[in-house]
């Protein structure tokens, strides 16, 4: 069982279902509206916990009623919340998600407490990182806190996994140098490398750029197509997706990452097997509505294998 620490965001998600996404200036009636836990960090942590990982979380919440609900949701999945700090006079992060009948979404987030996660707090809970096998982070929190967490991990020989989402206009060279495995989608890969990926040749070229940055492992999520991987010491390949009819793609990428890092061996030699498991888990997620409620448990993934 991998020990995983997720350094990331926690949000209260408000999901609105519509027949289609509205055009600028247009008002539509919704089919349904509901709230639940979200945030890329929390989603990835829950995906890891539900699929066999021993998970700890480092992050920041506000001092409002939503914080209590989010903490309870994490604890329901046996996630260690000792690394979560509540900040006074601060709002908990929130997200507003519109989902159409094709399963496509548009999301607006308010970072709130997520953006006030400090490097000082990371140092205070560094034990959680040092005792981990893998540390996972995204870009919905303060950049300096991620860099600080990855610095601690590297000194302790803990594997670092970065999901560079939301897509950055610019990403720090320091953070990339501290990253062992980068897990972007095509858009995020283009933002980092400057290479627009539309075919295998461009994927290979982008992978070489990533490796030249000092990053050993690259896993590119390609939506309904599957995932491409390139590891400097292992080689590259493609793992196809599981074909299903998507209802809501909101937490698909987060489920993939959480499930993947739970099954990935520390020598990375089972990379195709781990990616395939992540694909199976995310294929179940997209057939359900909502972020965290849609994330499957290991038993469900195995039954549907």
Protein backbone atom coordinates (compact mmCIF):
# COMPACT_ATOMS: atom_id res chain seq x y z
CA UNK A 1 0.00 0.00 0.00
CA UNK A 2 1.51 3.31 -1.08
CA UNK A 3 1.63 6.10 1.48
CA UNK A 4 0.45 9.20 -0.36
CA UNK A 5 0.39 12.82 0.74
CA UNK A 6 -1.68 15.20 -1.36
CA UNK A 7 -0.74 18.86 -1.18
CA UNK A 8 -3.63 20.72 -2.72
CA UNK A 9 -6.97 22.43 -2.94
CA UNK A 10 -10.32 21.82 -1.29
CA UNK A 11 -13.51 23.42 -2.59
CA UNK A 12 -17.23 23.40 -2.10
CA UNK A 13 -18.58 22.58 -5.58
CA UNK A 14 -21.90 23.85 -6.87
CA UNK A 15 -22.86 21.80 -9.94
CA UNK A 16 -25.52 22.99 -12.38
CA UNK A 17 -26.83 20.66 -15.09
CA UNK A 18 -27.99 22.24 -18.35
CA UNK A 19 -28.98 20.93 -21.77
CA UNK A 20 -26.04 22.87 -23.22
CA UNK A 21 -23.55 25.43 -21.99
CA UNK A 22 -24.81 29.04 -22.30
CA UNK A 23 -23.44 31.47 -24.86
CA UNK A 24 -22.11 34.87 -23.70
CA UNK A 25 -25.06 37.00 -22.54
CA UNK A 26 -27.49 34.06 -22.63
CA UNK A 27 -29.63 32.85 -19.70
CA UNK A 28 -30.66 29.19 -19.49
CA UNK A 29 -32.85 27.20 -17.10
CA UNK A 30 -31.03 24.40 -15.28
CA UNK A 31 -32.15 20.78 -15.06
CA UNK A 32 -30.64 20.21 -11.62
CA UNK A 33 -28.37 21.85 -9.07
CA UNK A 34 -26.46 20.27 -6.17
CA UNK A 35 -23.47 20.94 -3.92
CA UNK A 36 -20.67 18.67 -2.73
CA UNK A 37 -16.98 18.42 -2.01
CA UNK A 38 -14.47 19.27 -4.71
CA UNK A 39 -11.11 20.83 -5.48
CA UNK A 40 -8.48 18.99 -7.49
CA UNK A 41 -6.44 18.16 -4.41
CA UNK A 42 -9.34 16.75 -2.42
CA UNK A 43 -10.64 14.84 -5.44
CA UNK A 44 -7.25 13.21 -6.02
CA UNK A 45 -6.89 12.37 -2.33
CA UNK A 46 -10.31 10.72 -2.20
CA UNK A 47 -9.59 8.79 -5.40
CA UNK A 48 -6.35 7.49 -3.88
CA UNK A 49 -8.01 6.60 -0.57
CA UNK A 50 -10.91 4.77 -2.23
CA UNK A 51 -8.50 2.73 -4.34
CA UNK A 52 -6.22 1.39 -1.64
CA UNK A 53 -3.86 4.23 -0.74
CA UNK A 54 -2.96 5.38 2.76
CA UNK A 55 -3.58 9.10 2.32
CA UNK A 56 -2.70 12.29 4.20
CA UNK A 57 -3.75 15.78 3.12
CA UNK A 58 -2.02 19.15 3.40
CA UNK A 59 -4.08 22.24 2.63
CA UNK A 60 -6.02 25.23 3.94
CA UNK A 61 -9.70 25.92 4.62
CA UNK A 62 -11.60 28.96 5.82
CA UNK A 63 -13.45 29.34 9.10
CA UNK A 64 -16.94 29.00 7.58
CA UNK A 65 -19.56 26.25 7.67
CA UNK A 66 -18.26 24.74 4.42
CA UNK A 67 -14.93 23.85 6.03
CA UNK A 68 -16.60 21.52 8.53
CA UNK A 69 -18.43 19.71 5.74
CA UNK A 70 -15.25 19.25 3.68
CA UNK A 71 -13.29 17.91 6.68
CA UNK A 72 -16.07 15.41 7.38
CA UNK A 73 -16.05 14.24 3.76
CA UNK A 74 -12.29 13.62 3.85
CA UNK A 75 -12.54 11.76 7.15
CA UNK A 76 -15.29 9.54 5.75
CA UNK A 77 -12.65 8.14 3.38
CA UNK A 78 -10.11 7.67 6.21
CA UNK A 79 -7.88 10.51 5.01
CA UNK A 80 -5.49 11.93 7.61
CA UNK A 81 -6.49 15.61 8.00
CA UNK A 82 -3.77 16.63 10.49
CA UNK A 83 -2.08 18.66 7.74
CA UNK A 84 -5.13 20.87 7.11
CA UNK A 85 -5.11 24.37 8.57
CA UNK A 86 -8.19 26.54 9.07
CA UNK A 87 -7.62 30.25 8.53
CA UNK A 88 -9.56 32.97 10.33
CA UNK A 89 -11.50 35.58 8.35
CA UNK A 90 -11.03 33.58 5.16
CA UNK A 91 -13.52 31.86 2.88
CA UNK A 92 -13.17 28.22 1.97
CA UNK A 93 -12.43 27.67 -1.72
CA UNK A 94 -15.40 27.22 -4.03
CA UNK A 95 -16.15 26.13 -7.58
CA UNK A 96 -19.12 26.58 -9.88
CA UNK A 97 -19.51 23.81 -12.44
CA UNK A 98 -21.87 23.78 -15.43
CA UNK A 99 -22.37 20.39 -17.10
CA UNK A 100 -24.20 19.86 -20.40
CA UNK A 101 -26.00 16.78 -21.73
CA UNK A 102 -22.84 15.63 -23.53
CA UNK A 103 -20.90 15.56 -20.26
CA UNK A 104 -18.77 18.59 -21.11
CA UNK A 105 -18.26 21.21 -18.43
CA UNK A 106 -17.21 24.78 -17.74
CA UNK A 107 -15.77 25.60 -14.32
CA UNK A 108 -15.07 28.83 -12.45
CA UNK A 109 -13.16 28.62 -9.16
CA UNK A 110 -12.61 31.00 -6.27
CA UNK A 111 -9.37 30.01 -4.56
CA UNK A 112 -10.16 31.44 -1.12
CA UNK A 113 -8.14 29.74 1.61
CA UNK A 114 -6.40 27.52 -0.96
CA UNK A 115 -4.33 30.47 -2.16
CA UNK A 116 -3.24 31.33 1.38
CA UNK A 117 -1.57 28.00 2.09
CA UNK A 118 1.88 29.06 3.30
CA UNK A 119 5.32 27.53 3.07
CA UNK A 120 5.53 27.98 6.84
CA UNK A 121 2.57 25.65 7.31
CA UNK A 122 4.16 23.12 4.94
CA UNK A 123 7.26 23.10 7.12
CA UNK A 124 5.14 22.61 10.25
CA UNK A 125 3.63 19.41 8.84
CA UNK A 126 6.72 18.23 6.92
CA UNK A 127 6.57 14.90 8.75
CA UNK A 128 3.61 13.90 6.59
CA UNK A 129 5.71 14.42 3.46
CA UNK A 130 8.86 12.74 4.76
CA UNK A 131 6.92 9.62 5.79
CA UNK A 132 5.26 9.28 2.36
CA UNK A 133 6.13 7.22 -0.69
CA UNK A 134 4.58 9.74 -3.09
CA UNK A 135 3.61 13.43 -2.83
CA UNK A 136 1.01 14.76 -5.27
CA UNK A 137 0.28 18.43 -6.03
CA UNK A 138 -1.70 20.57 -8.49
CA UNK A 139 -1.77 24.31 -9.25
CA UNK A 140 -4.86 25.40 -7.31
CA UNK A 141 -2.80 26.49 -4.29
CA UNK A 142 -0.04 29.00 -3.55
CA UNK A 143 2.99 28.19 -5.75
CA UNK A 144 5.56 28.72 -2.98
CA UNK A 145 3.81 26.12 -0.81
CA UNK A 146 4.06 23.52 -3.58
CA UNK A 147 7.74 24.28 -4.15
CA UNK A 148 8.37 24.06 -0.41
CA UNK A 149 6.59 20.73 -0.16
CA UNK A 150 8.45 19.28 -3.14
CA UNK A 151 11.80 20.47 -1.74
CA UNK A 152 11.10 18.55 1.47
CA UNK A 153 10.08 15.50 -0.55
CA UNK A 154 13.18 15.50 -2.74
CA UNK A 155 15.51 15.72 0.27
CA UNK A 156 13.72 12.69 1.74
CA UNK A 157 13.80 10.73 -1.57
CA UNK A 158 10.01 10.85 -1.82
CA UNK A 159 8.59 10.68 -5.37
CA UNK A 160 6.93 13.94 -6.49
CA UNK A 161 3.97 13.99 -8.89
CA UNK A 162 2.74 17.28 -10.35
CA UNK A 163 -0.59 17.75 -12.12
CA UNK A 164 -0.07 21.21 -13.73
CA UNK A 165 -3.73 22.16 -13.65
CA UNK A 166 -5.38 24.55 -14.14
CA UNK A 167 -3.21 25.15 -17.22
CA UNK A 168 -0.53 27.67 -16.24
CA UNK A 169 0.35 30.71 -18.35
CA UNK A 170 3.82 30.25 -16.93
CA UNK A 171 5.22 27.62 -14.59
CA UNK A 172 8.30 28.03 -12.44
CA UNK A 173 11.47 26.32 -13.57
CA UNK A 174 12.21 25.52 -9.93
CA UNK A 175 8.99 23.54 -9.53
CA UNK A 176 9.61 21.56 -12.70
CA UNK A 177 13.12 20.67 -11.52
CA UNK A 178 11.61 19.34 -8.29
CA UNK A 179 9.11 17.16 -10.18
CA UNK A 180 9.69 13.45 -10.78
CA UNK A 181 6.48 12.71 -12.71
CA UNK A 182 4.47 15.32 -14.64
CA UNK A 183 0.83 14.51 -15.46
CA UNK A 184 -0.63 17.15 -17.83
CA UNK A 185 -3.35 17.01 -20.45
CA UNK A 186 -2.64 18.17 -24.01
CA UNK A 187 -3.38 21.84 -23.27
CA UNK A 188 -1.18 21.90 -20.17
CA UNK A 189 1.62 20.12 -22.03
CA UNK A 190 1.50 22.76 -24.76
CA UNK A 191 1.63 25.58 -22.18
CA UNK A 192 4.79 24.09 -20.67
CA UNK A 193 6.64 22.99 -23.82
CA UNK A 194 5.27 25.35 -26.46
CA UNK A 195 4.46 22.33 -28.64
CA UNK A 196 0.87 21.88 -29.85
CA UNK A 197 0.26 18.15 -29.70
CA UNK A 198 -1.89 16.72 -32.50
CA UNK A 199 -0.01 13.53 -33.40
CA UNK A 200 2.46 10.96 -32.07
CA UNK A 201 5.50 12.73 -33.49
CA UNK A 202 4.64 15.90 -31.57
CA UNK A 203 3.98 13.89 -28.41
CA UNK A 204 7.45 12.35 -28.68
CA UNK A 205 9.01 15.76 -29.26
CA UNK A 206 7.19 17.28 -26.28
CA UNK A 207 8.31 14.34 -24.12
CA UNK A 208 11.94 15.02 -25.03
CA UNK A 209 11.54 18.66 -24.00
CA UNK A 210 10.11 17.54 -20.65
CA UNK A 211 12.98 15.11 -20.07
CA UNK A 212 15.50 17.84 -20.95
CA UNK A 213 13.98 19.88 -18.13
CA UNK A 214 15.11 17.14 -15.75
CA UNK A 215 11.73 15.45 -15.32
CA UNK A 216 12.09 11.67 -15.47
CA UNK A 217 8.47 10.71 -16.04
CA UNK A 218 5.67 12.12 -18.21
CA UNK A 219 2.08 10.89 -18.40
CA UNK A 220 -0.18 12.81 -20.79
CA UNK A 221 -3.92 12.31 -20.38
CA UNK A 222 -5.66 12.34 -23.76
CA UNK A 223 -9.31 12.26 -22.68
CA UNK A 224 -11.37 9.60 -24.41
CA UNK A 225 -8.28 8.39 -26.31
CA UNK A 226 -6.32 7.22 -23.26
CA UNK A 227 -2.88 8.18 -21.98
CA UNK A 228 0.65 8.48 -23.38
CA UNK A 229 3.66 7.90 -21.14
CA UNK A 230 7.39 8.51 -21.48
CA UNK A 231 9.90 7.61 -18.78
CA UNK A 232 13.59 8.32 -19.30
CA UNK A 233 14.71 4.98 -17.88
CA UNK A 234 11.80 2.81 -19.05
CA UNK A 235 10.63 3.98 -22.47
CA UNK A 236 7.33 5.23 -23.82
CA UNK A 237 3.97 3.88 -24.85
CA UNK A 238 0.24 4.41 -25.12
CA UNK A 239 -2.54 2.95 -22.97
CA UNK A 240 -6.02 3.23 -24.54
CA UNK A 241 -9.01 4.51 -22.60
CA UNK A 242 -12.04 2.43 -21.66
CA UNK A 243 -14.84 3.38 -24.05
CA UNK A 244 -17.98 4.55 -22.22
CA UNK A 245 -20.73 7.15 -22.66
CA UNK A 246 -19.76 10.14 -20.52
CA UNK A 247 -22.35 12.01 -18.43
CA UNK A 248 -20.00 14.35 -16.53
CA UNK A 249 -16.22 14.63 -16.99
CA UNK A 250 -15.69 16.91 -13.96
CA UNK A 251 -13.43 14.71 -11.81
CA UNK A 252 -12.16 12.32 -14.48
CA UNK A 253 -8.56 13.56 -14.50
CA UNK A 254 -8.41 13.73 -10.71
CA UNK A 255 -9.71 10.17 -10.40
CA UNK A 256 -7.12 8.99 -12.91
CA UNK A 257 -4.25 10.54 -10.95
CA UNK A 258 -5.43 9.39 -7.52
CA UNK A 259 -5.99 5.83 -8.69
CA UNK A 260 -2.73 5.79 -10.66
CA UNK A 261 -0.44 6.81 -7.79
CA UNK A 262 -2.06 4.23 -5.54
CA UNK A 263 -1.15 1.39 -7.88
CA UNK A 264 2.21 2.68 -9.17
CA UNK A 265 5.24 0.76 -7.92
CA UNK A 266 8.07 2.94 -6.66
CA UNK A 267 10.42 1.61 -9.37
CA UNK A 268 7.79 2.62 -11.98
CA UNK A 269 8.14 -0.74 -13.74
CA UNK A 270 4.37 -1.36 -13.69
CA UNK A 271 3.58 1.97 -15.35
CA UNK A 272 1.26 0.52 -18.03
CA UNK A 273 -0.65 -1.50 -15.45
CA UNK A 274 -1.04 1.55 -13.19
CA UNK A 275 -2.21 3.76 -16.07
CA UNK A 276 -4.70 1.10 -17.16
CA UNK A 277 -6.10 0.99 -13.62
CA UNK A 278 -6.40 4.78 -13.62
CA UNK A 279 -8.24 4.61 -16.95
CA UNK A 280 -10.68 2.06 -15.55
CA UNK A 281 -11.38 4.17 -12.47
CA UNK A 282 -11.93 7.37 -14.46
CA UNK A 283 -14.21 5.55 -16.91
CA UNK A 284 -16.59 4.93 -14.00
CA UNK A 285 -16.32 8.52 -12.80
CA UNK A 286 -17.50 10.02 -16.10
CA UNK A 287 -20.65 7.90 -16.03
CA UNK A 288 -21.83 9.70 -12.86
CA UNK A 289 -22.62 13.28 -11.91
CA UNK A 290 -20.63 15.42 -9.49
CA UNK A 291 -16.99 15.42 -8.45
CA UNK A 292 -16.35 13.42 -5.29
CA UNK A 293 -19.65 11.48 -5.33
CA UNK A 294 -18.65 10.08 -8.74
CA UNK A 295 -15.25 8.71 -7.68
CA UNK A 296 -15.34 4.88 -7.54
CA UNK A 297 -14.01 2.51 -4.90
CA UNK A 298 -11.43 -0.19 -5.64
CA UNK A 299 -14.09 -2.91 -5.41
CA UNK A 300 -16.14 -1.19 -8.13
CA UNK A 301 -13.12 -0.84 -10.41
CA UNK A 302 -12.23 -4.51 -9.98
CA UNK A 303 -15.81 -5.67 -10.61
CA UNK A 304 -15.94 -3.68 -13.85
CA UNK A 305 -12.51 -4.87 -15.05
